[in-house]
Amino acid sequence: MFPTRSSIFRRGDTVTAIYGVDQGLVELADGPHNRIRYGPGEIFFFEDLVDFREHHTRDAIALTPVALIRMGRSNFQALIHRHPTFVLHLLVQQHGRLRQQRLDARHFY
């Protein structure tokens, strides 16, 4: 369990896992205006794990008390091999986030 405002990881930390939010809200940020929030049932940072990046590209902060499920690279890859439809779920999730970002961005032009 991570208390409110605690760091889950920092930009530049070594990537070792993906995270699923069991309880609470997590904010990922790579600057003051580029922030995204994840809540219960959502998975974050599979992008860095799948791309085989060595370091995180954002900070992850607990906005509320947070309980996370952590899955290492090899376990995540095994999950994908055993349940390929899981990848579709991740793609749908990312597509929804990108669509929402585009809608939000048009208010700033």
Protein backbone atom coordinates (compact mmCIF):
# COMPACT_ATOMS: atom_id res chain seq x y z
CA MET A 1 0.00 0.00 0.00
CA PHE A 2 1.30 3.44 -0.96
CA PRO A 3 0.14 6.43 1.12
CA THR A 4 -1.19 9.60 -0.51
CA ARG A 5 1.48 11.68 -2.36
CA SER A 6 4.09 8.90 -2.15
CA SER A 7 6.27 8.00 -5.10
CA ILE A 8 5.66 4.66 -6.81
CA PHE A 9 8.56 5.23 -9.20
CA ARG A 10 10.41 8.17 -10.71
CA ARG A 11 11.34 9.03 -14.26
CA GLY A 12 14.74 7.45 -14.85
CA ASP A 13 14.19 4.51 -12.47
CA THR A 14 14.86 1.08 -13.97
CA VAL A 15 11.77 -0.54 -15.52
CA THR A 16 11.11 -3.89 -13.86
CA ALA A 17 7.33 -4.30 -13.85
CA ILE A 18 3.91 -3.16 -14.94
CA TYR A 19 1.32 -2.11 -12.41
CA GLY A 20 -2.39 -2.63 -12.03
CA VAL A 21 -4.39 -0.38 -9.73
CA ASP A 22 -6.34 -2.41 -7.20
CA GLN A 23 -7.45 0.58 -5.10
CA GLY A 24 -6.94 4.32 -5.31
CA LEU A 25 -5.70 6.77 -7.95
CA VAL A 26 -2.24 7.05 -9.50
CA GLU A 27 -0.98 10.01 -11.52
CA LEU A 28 1.75 9.66 -14.13
CA ALA A 29 3.51 12.85 -15.18
CA ASP A 30 6.45 13.89 -17.29
CA GLY A 31 5.91 17.59 -16.74
CA PRO A 32 3.46 20.05 -15.17
CA HIS A 33 1.04 19.90 -18.12
CA ASN A 34 1.39 16.28 -19.22
CA ARG A 35 -0.42 14.20 -16.64
CA ILE A 36 -2.62 11.13 -16.80
CA ARG A 37 -4.54 9.34 -14.05
CA TYR A 38 -5.25 5.66 -13.54
CA GLY A 39 -7.84 4.13 -11.26
CA PRO A 40 -9.01 0.71 -10.08
CA GLY A 41 -8.84 -1.97 -12.76
CA GLU A 42 -6.46 -0.02 -14.99
CA ILE A 43 -2.94 -1.10 -15.94
CA PHE A 44 -0.12 1.36 -16.41
CA PHE A 45 3.41 1.33 -17.71
CA PHE A 46 3.18 -1.69 -19.93
CA GLU A 47 4.44 0.61 -22.72
CA ASP A 48 7.89 0.89 -21.15
CA LEU A 49 7.98 -2.81 -20.35
CA VAL A 50 6.93 -3.92 -23.85
CA ASP A 51 9.28 -1.45 -25.58
CA PHE A 52 12.14 -2.86 -23.51
CA ARG A 53 13.03 0.59 -22.29
CA GLU A 54 15.52 0.51 -19.50
CA HIS A 55 14.12 3.47 -17.58
CA HIS A 56 10.70 4.91 -16.81
CA THR A 57 9.68 7.92 -18.86
CA ARG A 58 7.35 9.41 -16.22
CA ASP A 59 6.92 9.81 -12.48
CA ALA A 60 4.15 7.80 -10.78
CA ILE A 61 2.60 9.34 -7.65
CA ALA A 62 -0.18 8.03 -5.42
CA LEU A 63 -2.98 10.64 -5.41
CA THR A 64 -4.86 8.69 -2.76
CA PRO A 65 -3.87 5.66 -0.71
CA VAL A 66 -3.04 3.12 -3.44
CA ALA A 67 -2.91 -0.66 -3.55
CA LEU A 68 -1.15 -2.00 -6.64
CA ILE A 69 -0.66 -5.34 -8.33
CA ARG A 70 2.89 -5.63 -9.67
CA MET A 71 3.88 -7.97 -12.50
CA GLY A 72 7.45 -8.47 -13.71
CA ARG A 73 8.50 -8.54 -17.37
CA SER A 74 8.68 -12.34 -17.72
CA ASN A 75 5.31 -12.86 -16.02
CA PHE A 76 3.74 -10.18 -18.23
CA GLN A 77 5.12 -11.81 -21.37
CA ALA A 78 3.85 -15.21 -20.23
CA LEU A 79 0.40 -13.69 -19.62
CA ILE A 80 0.35 -12.31 -23.17
CA HIS A 81 1.34 -15.68 -24.62
CA ARG A 82 -1.31 -17.53 -22.61
CA HIS A 83 -4.05 -14.94 -23.14
CA PRO A 84 -3.47 -13.06 -26.41
CA THR A 85 -6.86 -11.35 -26.17
CA PHE A 86 -5.44 -9.48 -23.17
CA VAL A 87 -3.39 -7.46 -25.67
CA LEU A 88 -6.63 -6.36 -27.33
CA HIS A 89 -7.85 -5.08 -23.96
CA LEU A 90 -4.64 -3.05 -23.57
CA LEU A 91 -4.99 -1.63 -27.08
CA VAL A 92 -8.61 -0.63 -26.45
CA GLN A 93 -7.57 1.04 -23.20
CA GLN A 94 -4.79 3.00 -24.93
CA HIS A 95 -7.04 3.97 -27.84
CA GLY A 96 -9.63 5.32 -25.40
CA ARG A 97 -6.99 7.36 -23.60
CA LEU A 98 -5.63 8.79 -26.87
CA ARG A 99 -9.13 9.68 -28.03
CA GLN A 100 -9.84 11.45 -24.75
CA GLN A 101 -6.55 13.34 -24.96
CA ARG A 102 -7.45 14.56 -28.45
CA LEU A 103 -10.87 15.72 -27.22
CA ASP A 104 -9.32 17.48 -24.25
CA ALA A 105 -6.63 19.11 -26.42
CA ARG A 106 -9.04 20.73 -28.83
CA HIS A 107 -10.25 22.97 -25.99
CA PHE A 108 -6.81 24.58 -25.85
CA TYR A 109 -6.56 25.72 -29.49
